[in-house]
Amino acid sequence: MVEASDAFPTVDEAALAAHYLPRLRLFATRRLGDVSHGEDAAQESVRRVLVALRERRVRDLQALPAYVFEVARHVCAEQLRVRQRNPQADLADVIERVPSGQPDPLSGLISEERLDLVRRALADLPADDRELLRLTYEEELSSEQIGARLGLSAVNVRVRRHRIQSALHGAVTSAAAVTPEGRARR
């Protein structure tokens, strides 16, 4: 625990870490695109904040949340710079940690329940809409190439894809708002 004085209030270090670590993990994982790097960045951020508190560099605890996330932003930027300078080392690290056939690391943050909702919503789409999405995301074709296959203009492909994605979003969102017992959440 950091001791109090006139200008420096007391802070419970364990409570601070418990409060900020989950948020910092998500923040850093989103910025870095990797769960393990996000975890490292979150822990390093908390460590730096605690050192700053012990060294009495933080006077106003009302500004602490902004300070914590600014530190995390700097830690993430440092990690990204290191990874850009030596991309081969980072690639080897990812290959070593993720067995082949596994989805990317951020997929672990998506719940199986949410994936099931998406699968059901996709299954409810008309076959031609599913085909347009398949050509877009599985075959990674351009709008022009999809249009040529389906006999549509590229603009029509983009408009249809946008409408399909909006409908999927609506279906998944409304399905997620219903509890397993079939009652709407409040």
Foldseek 3Di string as FASTA:
>chain_A
DADDDPQADDDDLVVVLVVQLVVQQVVLCVLQVANVRSNVLSVVLSVVLVVCSNVVVDRDVVCVVVSSVVSSVVSSVVVVVVCVVPVVVVVVVLPVVDDPPDDRRCVVVDDPVLVVQLVVLLVPDPPVLNVLVCCCPVVVDQLPVSCVVVVHHSVVSVVSNVVSVVSSVVSSVVVVQADPVRHGDD
